[in-house]
């Protein structure tokens, strides 16, 4: 009896040798009389960047270059889409430089009146300028304006009309807006609040619409400008207070600037893993032919163990051969570990089978091992219902993804289940 190990996507020589040494040690301990071989294919059939990555924008950004203003703006809107009221919340909590506090430690005297250092003669009961802005916001039409109006036309043209009323209502009724309005006692502060509220409403509508929105950055900015004007502000003057706090934070915690900065290194780093899959989907025949030659190179029954993409290639190879009535000689048992073969078949993307097709006669027994935490592992039995050749077996490494995708090979339960499957198949 012989075991043939077929590694998965993204694996190259050094990683393969460490992994196979572990697999061989564990299998040999349970099957001392068996040969344990490997089928290394990474260098020959794996993906590489043939043009050195020249297709990737910004692969080698200039050293020490300043952040791109577009990146900074995108980061701010990423933060706003995640939390439309974040800028308003900054104004509500931090207020403005020079703002004083009432006797209770808050921004007012406890009766709604406002106290500020730059308005020493403010009288109780005098409405802060920000409250007027909030009243204007609450007074905007709850339904999108008529398409003949520029704001209405923009809302309809960007796919935001349906979500605008809820976004408007959420901002107008928020505790953050009420508190910020009380703290905005001067006209400059009120104008900044108007901009923050306009951005909050726009972000709320965009977030609710999600992928259904058809809105460019220019259209988004025009929406903010039109809303700000209706609230008595000036959108051409960005909100300095909130922007100063959130602009730097956005660049640190949102993903888009990082993706832009790291796109080159991320692409190069991801090429073996993602590229192997894409290359196999386009040119899998060569790898399958290589596997066939390795399987049939030695006589006797063979247990095939395929990890991840290795399992996909083995399922394809065995199913194609069986469909031709030419079952691969010696292939008595297939073990797939952390593999996506059944998922690809469910998508209609498995090379060997028509969408919804059954495994052909002559396909060997199939033990499919998965881990619920491994997002690259899938069940096979439910996709081929009623096929007695297929058994799904769950293993829990107690590791999150992606560590769990490689943690199978140190689990005794994996080798115990393989030993059981070998016995059930009566392979000796």
Protein backbone atom coordinates (compact mmCIF):
# COMPACT_ATOMS: atom_id res chain seq x y z
CA UNK A 1 0.00 0.00 0.00
CA UNK A 2 1.14 3.52 -0.76
CA UNK A 3 0.11 7.01 0.34
CA UNK A 4 0.51 9.92 -2.07
CA UNK A 5 0.26 13.40 -0.57
CA UNK A 6 -0.77 16.29 -2.85
CA UNK A 7 -0.26 19.73 -1.35
CA UNK A 8 -2.53 22.73 -1.72
CA UNK A 9 -2.48 26.23 -3.10
CA UNK A 10 0.33 28.65 -2.41
CA UNK A 11 2.75 25.97 -1.20
CA UNK A 12 6.32 26.12 -2.46
CA UNK A 13 9.35 23.91 -1.85
CA UNK A 14 10.39 24.94 1.65
CA UNK A 15 6.85 24.92 3.00
CA UNK A 16 6.10 21.65 1.24
CA UNK A 17 9.11 19.88 2.70
CA UNK A 18 8.21 20.87 6.26
CA UNK A 19 4.59 19.89 5.79
CA UNK A 20 5.31 16.58 4.10
CA UNK A 21 7.84 15.62 6.76
CA UNK A 22 5.08 15.96 9.34
CA UNK A 23 2.54 13.99 7.28
CA UNK A 24 5.03 11.23 6.51
CA UNK A 25 6.02 10.88 10.17
CA UNK A 26 2.41 10.57 11.30
CA UNK A 27 1.39 8.13 8.55
CA UNK A 28 4.47 5.97 8.94
CA UNK A 29 3.77 5.62 12.66
CA UNK A 30 0.37 4.08 11.85
CA UNK A 31 1.28 2.29 8.63
CA UNK A 32 4.90 1.18 9.04
CA UNK A 33 4.79 -1.11 6.00
CA UNK A 34 3.36 1.54 3.66
CA UNK A 35 5.27 3.81 1.32
CA UNK A 36 4.54 7.49 1.86
CA UNK A 37 5.26 9.66 -1.15
CA UNK A 38 4.61 13.25 -2.10
CA UNK A 39 3.57 14.92 -5.31
CA UNK A 40 5.15 18.37 -5.25
CA UNK A 41 3.80 20.55 -8.05
CA UNK A 42 4.19 24.14 -6.78
CA UNK A 43 7.23 25.19 -8.79
CA UNK A 44 6.17 23.54 -12.04
CA UNK A 45 2.43 24.28 -12.11
CA UNK A 46 2.03 27.08 -9.58
CA UNK A 47 1.44 30.70 -10.51
CA UNK A 48 4.08 33.39 -10.91
CA UNK A 49 3.96 37.01 -12.03
CA UNK A 50 5.29 36.57 -15.53
CA UNK A 51 5.83 40.29 -16.11
CA UNK A 52 7.25 40.95 -12.67
CA UNK A 53 4.03 42.52 -11.40
CA UNK A 54 3.99 45.38 -13.89
CA UNK A 55 0.20 45.08 -14.13
CA UNK A 56 -0.17 46.26 -10.51
CA UNK A 57 -0.68 50.03 -10.05
CA UNK A 58 1.72 51.46 -7.49
CA UNK A 59 3.79 48.31 -7.08
CA UNK A 60 6.79 50.39 -6.05
CA UNK A 61 5.56 53.66 -4.51
CA UNK A 62 8.12 56.37 -3.99
CA UNK A 63 9.88 56.12 -0.64
CA UNK A 64 8.73 58.70 1.87
CA UNK A 65 5.94 59.96 -0.35
CA UNK A 66 3.19 61.93 1.38
CA UNK A 67 -0.28 60.40 1.76
CA UNK A 68 -2.42 60.84 -1.32
CA UNK A 69 -5.20 63.41 -0.67
CA UNK A 70 -7.61 61.11 -2.49
CA UNK A 71 -6.64 58.30 -0.10
CA UNK A 72 -7.31 60.57 2.88
CA UNK A 73 -10.71 61.57 1.54
CA UNK A 74 -11.61 57.96 0.77
CA UNK A 75 -10.57 56.96 4.29
CA UNK A 76 -12.81 59.63 5.83
CA UNK A 77 -15.81 58.44 3.84
CA UNK A 78 -15.06 54.83 4.70
CA UNK A 79 -15.34 55.84 8.34
CA UNK A 80 -18.54 57.80 7.68
CA UNK A 81 -20.16 54.87 5.89
CA UNK A 82 -19.40 52.66 8.88
CA UNK A 83 -20.70 55.31 11.33
CA UNK A 84 -22.54 58.18 9.62
CA UNK A 85 -22.77 60.19 12.84
CA UNK A 86 -19.10 59.94 13.78
CA UNK A 87 -18.28 63.57 12.90
CA UNK A 88 -21.37 64.85 14.67
CA UNK A 89 -20.39 62.78 17.70
CA UNK A 90 -16.99 64.47 17.83
CA UNK A 91 -18.66 67.88 17.84
CA UNK A 92 -21.11 66.72 20.50
CA UNK A 93 -18.42 65.43 22.83
CA UNK A 94 -15.47 67.73 22.14
CA UNK A 95 -17.26 70.91 21.22
CA UNK A 96 -15.12 73.73 19.85
CA UNK A 97 -11.93 75.36 21.13
CA UNK A 98 -12.79 78.15 23.55
CA UNK A 99 -16.18 76.72 24.55
CA UNK A 100 -16.90 77.01 28.23
CA UNK A 101 -19.01 74.82 30.51
CA UNK A 102 -21.97 75.42 32.68
CA UNK A 103 -22.03 75.01 36.44
CA UNK A 104 -22.74 71.30 36.12
CA UNK A 105 -19.60 70.65 34.08
CA UNK A 106 -21.50 70.38 30.82
CA UNK A 107 -21.79 72.77 27.90
CA UNK A 108 -24.77 74.52 29.40
CA UNK A 109 -26.20 75.60 32.69
CA UNK A 110 -28.67 72.78 32.94
CA UNK A 111 -31.61 74.79 31.61
CA UNK A 112 -30.74 74.72 27.92
CA UNK A 113 -28.83 77.99 28.02
CA UNK A 114 -25.32 78.06 26.60
CA UNK A 115 -22.16 79.46 28.13
CA UNK A 116 -19.13 80.17 25.95
CA UNK A 117 -15.89 82.01 26.45
CA UNK A 118 -16.42 84.03 23.29
CA UNK A 119 -20.02 84.96 24.11
CA UNK A 120 -19.81 86.27 27.68
CA UNK A 121 -23.16 88.02 27.49
CA UNK A 122 -25.16 84.94 26.40
CA UNK A 123 -28.49 84.99 28.20
CA UNK A 124 -30.48 81.98 29.46
CA UNK A 125 -33.13 81.00 27.00
CA UNK A 126 -31.29 82.41 23.98
CA UNK A 127 -31.26 79.74 21.30
CA UNK A 128 -27.74 78.65 20.22
CA UNK A 129 -27.01 79.03 16.53
CA UNK A 130 -26.63 75.26 16.23
CA UNK A 131 -30.20 74.66 17.38
CA UNK A 132 -31.39 76.71 14.40
CA UNK A 133 -29.36 74.41 12.11
CA UNK A 134 -30.92 71.34 13.66
CA UNK A 135 -34.39 72.82 13.22
CA UNK A 136 -33.66 73.39 9.54
CA UNK A 137 -32.55 69.77 9.24
CA UNK A 138 -35.72 68.51 10.89
CA UNK A 139 -37.73 70.74 8.57
CA UNK A 140 -36.37 69.30 5.34
CA UNK A 141 -38.98 67.33 3.37
CA UNK A 142 -39.10 63.74 4.71
CA UNK A 143 -39.67 62.46 1.18
CA UNK A 144 -37.03 63.10 -1.49
CA UNK A 145 -37.64 66.41 -3.28
CA UNK A 146 -39.21 66.45 -6.72
CA UNK A 147 -36.79 65.22 -9.40
CA UNK A 148 -37.01 68.65 -11.01
CA UNK A 149 -35.12 70.06 -8.03
CA UNK A 150 -31.32 69.56 -8.19
CA UNK A 151 -31.18 67.77 -4.83
CA UNK A 152 -34.08 65.54 -5.80
CA UNK A 153 -32.59 64.84 -9.21
CA UNK A 154 -29.30 63.85 -7.60
CA UNK A 155 -30.99 61.57 -5.08
CA UNK A 156 -32.95 59.81 -7.81
CA UNK A 157 -30.00 59.70 -10.19
CA UNK A 158 -27.70 58.11 -7.62
CA UNK A 159 -30.19 55.54 -6.33
CA UNK A 160 -30.35 57.19 -2.88
CA UNK A 161 -33.91 58.48 -2.98
CA UNK A 162 -35.42 55.48 -1.17
CA UNK A 163 -32.94 55.64 1.72
CA UNK A 164 -32.77 59.42 2.10
CA UNK A 165 -35.81 59.87 4.40
CA UNK A 166 -34.56 57.35 6.98
CA UNK A 167 -31.05 58.83 6.91
CA UNK A 168 -32.47 62.32 7.37
CA UNK A 169 -34.69 61.22 10.25
CA UNK A 170 -31.88 59.33 12.00
CA UNK A 171 -29.56 62.33 11.93
CA UNK A 172 -32.23 64.86 12.93
CA UNK A 173 -33.45 62.79 15.91
CA UNK A 174 -30.05 61.69 17.16
CA UNK A 175 -28.86 62.62 20.63
CA UNK A 176 -25.47 63.46 19.10
CA UNK A 177 -27.00 66.10 16.84
CA UNK A 178 -28.98 67.62 19.72
CA UNK A 179 -25.91 67.88 21.93
CA UNK A 180 -23.71 69.27 19.14
CA UNK A 181 -26.41 71.83 18.32
CA UNK A 182 -26.42 73.09 21.92
CA UNK A 183 -22.65 73.48 21.86
CA UNK A 184 -22.57 75.35 18.54
CA UNK A 185 -23.23 78.87 19.87
CA UNK A 186 -21.52 80.97 17.19
CA UNK A 187 -22.22 81.27 13.49
CA UNK A 188 -18.90 79.66 12.41
CA UNK A 189 -19.63 76.74 14.69
CA UNK A 190 -23.15 76.44 13.32
CA UNK A 191 -21.83 76.40 9.77
CA UNK A 192 -19.43 73.59 10.66
CA UNK A 193 -22.26 71.67 12.29
CA UNK A 194 -24.32 72.10 9.11
CA UNK A 195 -21.54 70.48 7.10
CA UNK A 196 -21.18 67.61 9.56
CA UNK A 197 -24.94 66.97 9.52
CA UNK A 198 -25.07 67.09 5.73
CA UNK A 199 -22.25 64.56 5.54
CA UNK A 200 -24.01 62.38 8.12
CA UNK A 201 -27.25 62.31 6.12
CA UNK A 202 -25.41 61.60 2.86
CA UNK A 203 -23.33 58.85 4.47
CA UNK A 204 -26.43 57.31 6.04
CA UNK A 205 -28.18 57.11 2.69
CA UNK A 206 -25.09 55.70 0.99
CA UNK A 207 -24.57 53.11 3.72
CA UNK A 208 -28.19 51.97 3.54
CA UNK A 209 -28.15 51.75 -0.26
CA UNK A 210 -24.91 49.78 -0.26
CA UNK A 211 -24.05 48.27 -3.62
CA UNK A 212 -27.36 49.49 -5.04
CA UNK A 213 -26.09 53.08 -5.02
CA UNK A 214 -24.72 54.51 -8.26
CA UNK A 215 -22.91 57.52 -6.87
CA UNK A 216 -19.59 59.05 -7.82
CA UNK A 217 -17.44 61.09 -5.47
CA UNK A 218 -18.42 64.24 -7.36
CA UNK A 219 -22.13 63.49 -6.95
CA UNK A 220 -21.64 62.68 -3.28
CA UNK A 221 -19.85 65.97 -2.68
CA UNK A 222 -22.58 67.87 -4.50
CA UNK A 223 -25.22 66.24 -2.30
CA UNK A 224 -23.31 67.39 0.77
CA UNK A 225 -22.99 70.89 -0.65
CA UNK A 226 -26.71 71.19 -1.45
CA UNK A 227 -27.73 69.87 1.97
CA UNK A 228 -25.25 72.12 3.75
CA UNK A 229 -26.57 75.18 1.93
CA UNK A 230 -30.13 74.34 2.98
CA UNK A 231 -28.92 74.15 6.57
CA UNK A 232 -27.32 77.58 6.40
CA UNK A 233 -23.74 76.39 6.09
CA UNK A 234 -21.01 76.54 3.49
CA UNK A 235 -19.83 73.16 2.17
CA UNK A 236 -16.82 74.77 0.53
CA UNK A 237 -15.33 75.19 4.00
CA UNK A 238 -14.67 71.72 5.44
CA UNK A 239 -15.48 71.06 9.09
CA UNK A 240 -12.14 71.81 10.70
CA UNK A 241 -12.90 70.50 14.20
CA UNK A 242 -14.32 67.11 13.30
CA UNK A 243 -11.99 66.65 10.33
CA UNK A 244 -8.93 67.31 12.47
CA UNK A 245 -9.92 64.54 14.86
CA UNK A 246 -11.32 62.00 12.43
CA UNK A 247 -9.09 62.57 9.41
CA UNK A 248 -6.00 61.15 11.08
CA UNK A 249 -8.02 58.36 12.68
CA UNK A 250 -9.54 57.38 9.35
CA UNK A 251 -6.12 56.97 7.77
CA UNK A 252 -5.13 54.63 10.59
CA UNK A 253 -8.18 52.44 11.02
CA UNK A 254 -9.79 52.16 7.59
CA UNK A 255 -8.64 49.65 5.04
CA UNK A 256 -8.59 51.55 1.75
CA UNK A 257 -5.43 53.63 2.35
CA UNK A 258 -3.68 50.50 3.59
CA UNK A 259 -4.82 48.56 0.54
CA UNK A 260 -3.60 51.31 -1.75
CA UNK A 261 -0.25 51.56 0.03
CA UNK A 262 0.23 47.82 0.27
CA UNK A 263 -1.39 46.76 -2.99
CA UNK A 264 1.91 45.86 -4.62
CA UNK A 265 3.24 43.77 -1.74
CA UNK A 266 -0.19 42.25 -1.10
CA UNK A 267 -0.51 41.22 -4.75
CA UNK A 268 2.95 39.71 -4.85
CA UNK A 269 2.36 37.95 -1.54
CA UNK A 270 -1.04 36.61 -2.55
CA UNK A 271 0.04 35.45 -6.00
CA UNK A 272 1.03 31.89 -5.00
CA UNK A 273 -2.21 31.24 -3.06
CA UNK A 274 -4.78 32.96 -5.26
CA UNK A 275 -2.82 32.64 -8.47
CA UNK A 276 -2.50 28.86 -8.16
CA UNK A 277 -6.28 28.54 -8.04
CA UNK A 278 -6.83 30.82 -11.01
CA UNK A 279 -4.10 29.12 -13.00
CA UNK A 280 -5.55 25.70 -12.25
CA UNK A 281 -9.01 26.79 -13.37
CA UNK A 282 -7.55 27.95 -16.69
CA UNK A 283 -4.85 25.31 -17.24
CA UNK A 284 -5.61 22.43 -14.91
CA UNK A 285 -5.03 19.74 -17.53
CA UNK A 286 -1.26 19.83 -17.13
CA UNK A 287 -1.42 19.39 -13.36
CA UNK A 288 -3.93 16.55 -13.66
CA UNK A 289 -1.69 14.79 -16.18
CA UNK A 290 1.24 15.17 -13.80
CA UNK A 291 -0.79 13.71 -10.92
CA UNK A 292 -1.91 10.78 -13.08
CA UNK A 293 1.69 9.97 -13.93
CA UNK A 294 2.72 10.09 -10.27
CA UNK A 295 -0.19 7.90 -9.15
CA UNK A 296 0.47 5.22 -11.75
CA UNK A 297 4.27 5.31 -11.38
CA UNK A 298 4.19 2.60 -8.71
CA UNK A 299 2.06 -0.56 -8.61
CA UNK A 300 -0.36 -1.48 -5.88
CA UNK A 301 -3.22 0.26 -4.09
CA UNK A 302 -2.77 3.95 -3.39
CA UNK A 303 -4.43 6.24 -0.87
CA UNK A 304 -4.56 9.77 -2.29
CA UNK A 305 -4.47 12.64 0.22
CA UNK A 306 -5.18 16.07 -1.22
CA UNK A 307 -5.07 19.32 0.71
CA UNK A 308 -7.09 22.32 -0.48
CA UNK A 309 -6.43 22.78 -4.24
CA UNK A 310 -4.69 19.40 -4.26
CA UNK A 311 -8.03 17.86 -3.36
CA UNK A 312 -9.80 19.72 -6.16
CA UNK A 313 -7.29 18.46 -8.72
CA UNK A 314 -7.63 14.88 -7.48
CA UNK A 315 -11.43 14.96 -7.61
CA UNK A 316 -11.27 16.35 -11.14
CA UNK A 317 -8.71 13.75 -12.24
CA UNK A 318 -10.56 10.77 -10.76
CA UNK A 319 -13.97 11.90 -12.02
CA UNK A 320 -12.75 12.60 -15.55
CA UNK A 321 -10.99 9.26 -15.75
CA UNK A 322 -14.00 7.37 -14.37
CA UNK A 323 -16.33 9.13 -16.80
CA UNK A 324 -14.16 7.86 -19.66
CA UNK A 325 -14.32 4.35 -18.24
CA UNK A 326 -10.60 4.52 -17.48
CA UNK A 327 -10.41 4.59 -13.67
CA UNK A 328 -6.94 5.63 -12.48
CA UNK A 329 -5.08 2.37 -11.72
CA UNK A 330 -4.36 1.86 -8.04
CA UNK A 331 -6.48 4.77 -6.74
CA UNK A 332 -8.44 2.98 -4.03
CA UNK A 333 -9.24 5.78 -1.58
CA UNK A 334 -9.39 9.57 -1.85
CA UNK A 335 -8.93 11.74 1.22
CA UNK A 336 -9.53 15.47 0.78
CA UNK A 337 -8.58 17.80 3.64
CA UNK A 338 -9.75 21.41 3.82
CA UNK A 339 -10.83 21.25 0.21
CA UNK A 340 -13.25 23.23 -1.94
CA UNK A 341 -14.11 20.56 -4.52
CA UNK A 342 -17.74 20.16 -3.47
CA UNK A 343 -18.24 23.93 -3.30
CA UNK A 344 -16.90 24.36 -6.83
CA UNK A 345 -19.25 21.64 -8.02
CA UNK A 346 -22.16 23.43 -6.35
CA UNK A 347 -21.13 26.55 -8.28
CA UNK A 348 -20.89 24.59 -11.51
CA UNK A 349 -17.15 25.34 -11.62
CA UNK A 350 -15.69 21.85 -11.18
CA UNK A 351 -13.96 20.87 -14.40
CA UNK A 352 -14.85 17.18 -14.23
CA UNK A 353 -18.61 17.35 -13.74
CA UNK A 354 -21.56 19.11 -15.27
CA UNK A 355 -23.44 21.33 -12.81
CA UNK A 356 -25.61 19.11 -10.65
CA UNK A 357 -24.01 15.94 -12.03
CA UNK A 358 -23.27 12.85 -9.97
CA UNK A 359 -19.93 11.20 -9.44
CA UNK A 360 -19.40 8.62 -12.18
CA UNK A 361 -19.19 4.87 -11.68
CA UNK A 362 -15.60 3.93 -10.97
CA UNK A 363 -14.91 6.90 -8.69
CA UNK A 364 -13.23 5.56 -5.50
CA UNK A 365 -14.29 5.93 -1.87
CA UNK A 366 -13.99 9.51 -0.71
CA UNK A 367 -13.26 10.71 2.83
CA UNK A 368 -13.72 14.49 3.05
CA UNK A 369 -12.27 16.16 6.16
CA UNK A 370 -13.32 19.66 7.18
CA UNK A 371 -13.12 22.15 10.05
CA UNK A 372 -16.00 24.56 10.69
CA UNK A 373 -13.53 27.36 11.37
CA UNK A 374 -11.76 26.75 8.05
CA UNK A 375 -13.59 28.89 5.53
CA UNK A 376 -11.83 27.00 2.74
CA UNK A 377 -13.29 23.64 3.74
CA UNK A 378 -16.67 22.33 2.61
CA UNK A 379 -19.01 19.37 2.98
CA UNK A 380 -19.15 16.89 0.12
CA UNK A 381 -21.94 14.49 1.13
CA UNK A 382 -24.86 16.96 0.85
CA UNK A 383 -23.72 18.01 -2.62
CA UNK A 384 -23.78 14.38 -3.80
CA UNK A 385 -26.79 13.14 -1.81
CA UNK A 386 -27.17 9.43 -1.36
CA UNK A 387 -23.70 8.53 -2.66
CA UNK A 388 -22.42 5.83 -0.26
CA UNK A 389 -18.82 6.37 -1.37
CA UNK A 390 -18.63 9.77 0.34
CA UNK A 391 -18.05 10.38 4.04
CA UNK A 392 -17.63 13.81 5.62
CA UNK A 393 -15.61 14.01 8.82
CA UNK A 394 -15.27 17.07 11.03
CA UNK A 395 -12.07 17.98 12.85
CA UNK A 396 -11.77 20.88 15.29
CA UNK A 397 -8.31 22.37 15.73
CA UNK A 398 -9.66 25.18 17.98
CA UNK A 399 -7.71 27.58 15.79
CA UNK A 400 -9.20 30.53 13.87
CA UNK A 401 -8.80 30.97 10.14
CA UNK A 402 -6.30 30.89 8.45
CA UNK A 403 -4.30 28.87 11.01
CA UNK A 404 -6.95 26.13 11.03
CA UNK A 405 -6.44 25.55 7.29
CA UNK A 406 -3.04 24.01 7.99
CA UNK A 407 -3.69 22.71 11.51
CA UNK A 408 -5.22 19.44 10.28
CA UNK A 409 -1.85 17.78 9.90
CA UNK A 410 -1.04 17.87 13.60
CA UNK A 411 -4.37 16.40 14.69
CA UNK A 412 -4.26 12.75 15.77
CA UNK A 413 -7.95 12.49 14.94
CA UNK A 414 -7.14 13.03 11.25
CA UNK A 415 -4.83 10.04 11.08
CA UNK A 416 -7.19 7.93 13.19
CA UNK A 417 -9.96 8.63 10.68
CA UNK A 418 -7.69 7.86 7.73
CA UNK A 419 -6.74 4.57 9.42
CA UNK A 420 -10.43 3.75 9.82
CA UNK A 421 -11.14 4.58 6.18
CA UNK A 422 -8.27 2.37 5.01
CA UNK A 423 -9.69 -0.50 7.04
CA UNK A 424 -13.20 0.06 5.70
CA UNK A 425 -11.86 0.03 2.13
CA UNK A 426 -9.95 -3.18 2.95
CA UNK A 427 -6.75 -1.79 1.54
CA UNK A 428 -3.75 -3.87 2.61
